[in-house]
Protein backbone atom coordinates (compact mmCIF):
# COMPACT_ATOMS: atom_id res chain seq x y z
CA MET A 1 3.62 25.71 -14.34
CA LYS A 2 1.91 28.62 -13.43
CA SER A 3 -1.65 29.24 -12.56
CA LEU A 4 -4.60 31.95 -12.54
CA ILE A 5 -7.50 31.05 -10.30
CA ARG A 6 -10.95 32.98 -11.11
CA ASP A 7 -14.34 31.91 -9.67
CA HIS A 8 -17.33 32.51 -11.88
CA GLY A 9 -20.22 32.02 -9.18
CA ASP A 10 -19.62 28.21 -7.97
CA ILE A 11 -17.43 27.52 -10.92
CA ARG A 12 -13.69 27.35 -10.46
CA VAL A 13 -11.75 28.47 -13.64
CA ILE A 14 -8.18 27.51 -13.41
CA GLU A 15 -5.76 28.70 -16.35
CA LEU A 16 -2.71 27.13 -16.37
CA THR A 17 0.61 27.86 -18.35
CA GLY A 18 3.74 26.20 -19.03
CA LYS A 19 4.38 22.33 -18.76
CA ILE A 20 2.43 19.70 -17.00
CA THR A 21 5.32 16.93 -16.31
CA ILE A 22 6.58 14.98 -13.95
CA GLY A 23 7.85 16.59 -10.70
CA SER A 24 6.67 20.07 -11.13
CA GLY A 25 3.20 20.66 -13.07
CA ASP A 26 1.65 17.27 -12.05
CA VAL A 27 2.00 17.99 -8.24
CA LYS A 28 0.87 21.52 -8.51
CA LEU A 29 -2.33 20.44 -10.72
CA ARG A 30 -3.01 18.11 -7.83
CA GLU A 31 -2.69 20.91 -5.10
CA LEU A 32 -5.04 23.42 -7.37
CA ILE A 33 -7.69 20.56 -7.71
CA GLY A 34 -7.46 19.68 -3.75
CA ALA A 35 -7.73 23.32 -3.03
CA ALA A 36 -10.98 24.06 -5.03
CA LEU A 37 -12.57 20.89 -3.69
CA GLU A 38 -11.66 21.73 0.11
CA GLU A 39 -13.01 25.82 -0.80
CA GLY A 40 -16.24 24.19 -1.69
CA LYS A 41 -15.79 24.41 -5.68
CA PRO A 42 -16.65 21.00 -7.33
CA LYS A 43 -17.13 22.40 -10.56
CA ILE A 44 -13.86 22.98 -12.09
CA LEU A 45 -12.74 24.08 -15.65
CA LEU A 46 -9.17 23.79 -16.58
CA ASP A 47 -7.95 26.47 -19.14
CA LEU A 48 -4.96 24.52 -21.09
CA ALA A 49 -4.41 27.17 -23.49
CA GLY A 50 -0.97 27.97 -22.06
CA VAL A 51 0.09 24.69 -21.60
CA ASN A 52 2.93 23.98 -24.04
CA ALA A 53 3.76 20.57 -23.10
CA ILE A 54 2.46 17.60 -21.20
CA ASP A 55 3.79 14.03 -20.27
CA SER A 56 2.53 10.63 -19.03
CA SER A 57 2.90 11.89 -15.50
CA GLY A 58 0.82 14.91 -16.38
CA ILE A 59 -1.90 13.05 -18.23
CA GLY A 60 -2.00 10.53 -15.58
CA GLU A 61 -2.45 13.11 -12.83
CA MET A 62 -5.32 14.88 -15.13
CA VAL A 63 -7.44 11.54 -15.16
CA ALA A 64 -6.58 11.38 -11.35
CA CYS A 65 -8.00 14.61 -10.62
CA TYR A 66 -10.91 13.91 -12.68
CA THR A 67 -11.64 10.59 -10.65
CA THR A 68 -11.04 12.42 -7.11
CA VAL A 69 -13.77 15.40 -8.54
CA LYS A 70 -16.06 12.89 -9.59
CA LYS A 71 -15.95 10.95 -6.38
CA ARG A 72 -16.79 14.35 -4.76
CA ASP A 73 -19.70 14.49 -7.12
CA GLY A 74 -17.97 17.53 -8.99
CA GLN A 75 -16.94 18.04 -12.47
CA LEU A 76 -13.73 18.89 -14.34
CA LYS A 77 -14.01 19.84 -17.87
CA LEU A 78 -11.22 21.20 -20.31
CA LEU A 79 -10.90 24.14 -22.42
CA ARG A 80 -9.00 25.44 -25.04
CA MET A 81 -6.61 22.57 -25.39
CA SER A 82 -3.56 22.86 -27.73
CA PRO A 83 -3.43 20.58 -30.70
CA LYS A 84 -0.60 18.62 -29.18
CA ILE A 85 -2.53 17.50 -26.00
CA ASN A 86 -5.76 16.97 -27.88
CA ASP A 87 -3.79 14.38 -30.13
CA ILE A 88 -2.34 12.95 -26.94
CA LEU A 89 -5.94 12.67 -25.53
CA GLN A 90 -7.37 11.20 -28.88
CA VAL A 91 -4.43 8.39 -29.07
CA THR A 92 -5.29 7.40 -25.48
CA GLN A 93 -8.78 7.56 -26.02
CA LEU A 94 -9.05 9.80 -22.97
CA ILE A 95 -10.87 12.28 -25.05
CA THR A 96 -14.09 10.32 -24.47
CA VAL A 97 -13.38 10.81 -20.67
CA PHE A 98 -13.36 14.37 -20.43
CA ASP A 99 -15.86 17.29 -21.64
CA VAL A 100 -13.81 19.74 -23.76
CA PHE A 101 -14.89 23.03 -24.81
CA GLU A 102 -13.41 25.57 -27.29
CA THR A 103 -14.78 28.95 -25.47
CA GLU A 104 -15.15 29.92 -21.93
CA ASP A 105 -18.60 30.88 -22.52
CA GLU A 106 -19.44 27.47 -23.88
CA ALA A 107 -17.72 25.47 -20.96
CA LEU A 108 -19.33 28.02 -18.34
CA ALA A 109 -22.89 27.27 -19.63
CA SER A 110 -22.23 23.63 -19.35
CA PHE A 111 -22.02 23.41 -16.09
CA ARG A 112 -25.71 24.49 -15.60
């Protein structure tokens, strides 16, 4: 998995590409979220447009990161999920946990 990090004021945008799977993407995701929190960026937007695969470990890590961010009084939101990821979150009913957005402008505005 690859990532591109951008900051919009106090909001950290993390663009992900590749796979969020056991042994690679899941660890990287945890590190990216941890780094954002350590750098004082508790408002995090995960752009998943480039994610082409996710497994149960990846889903579990997303939930764990969400919990970690919440405990630090932050917010973790999702942007541009592929239909495949959307389907997985629907089936697992995790779609009700995350705030999900189609456009970056809409997502950024939701943090205010």
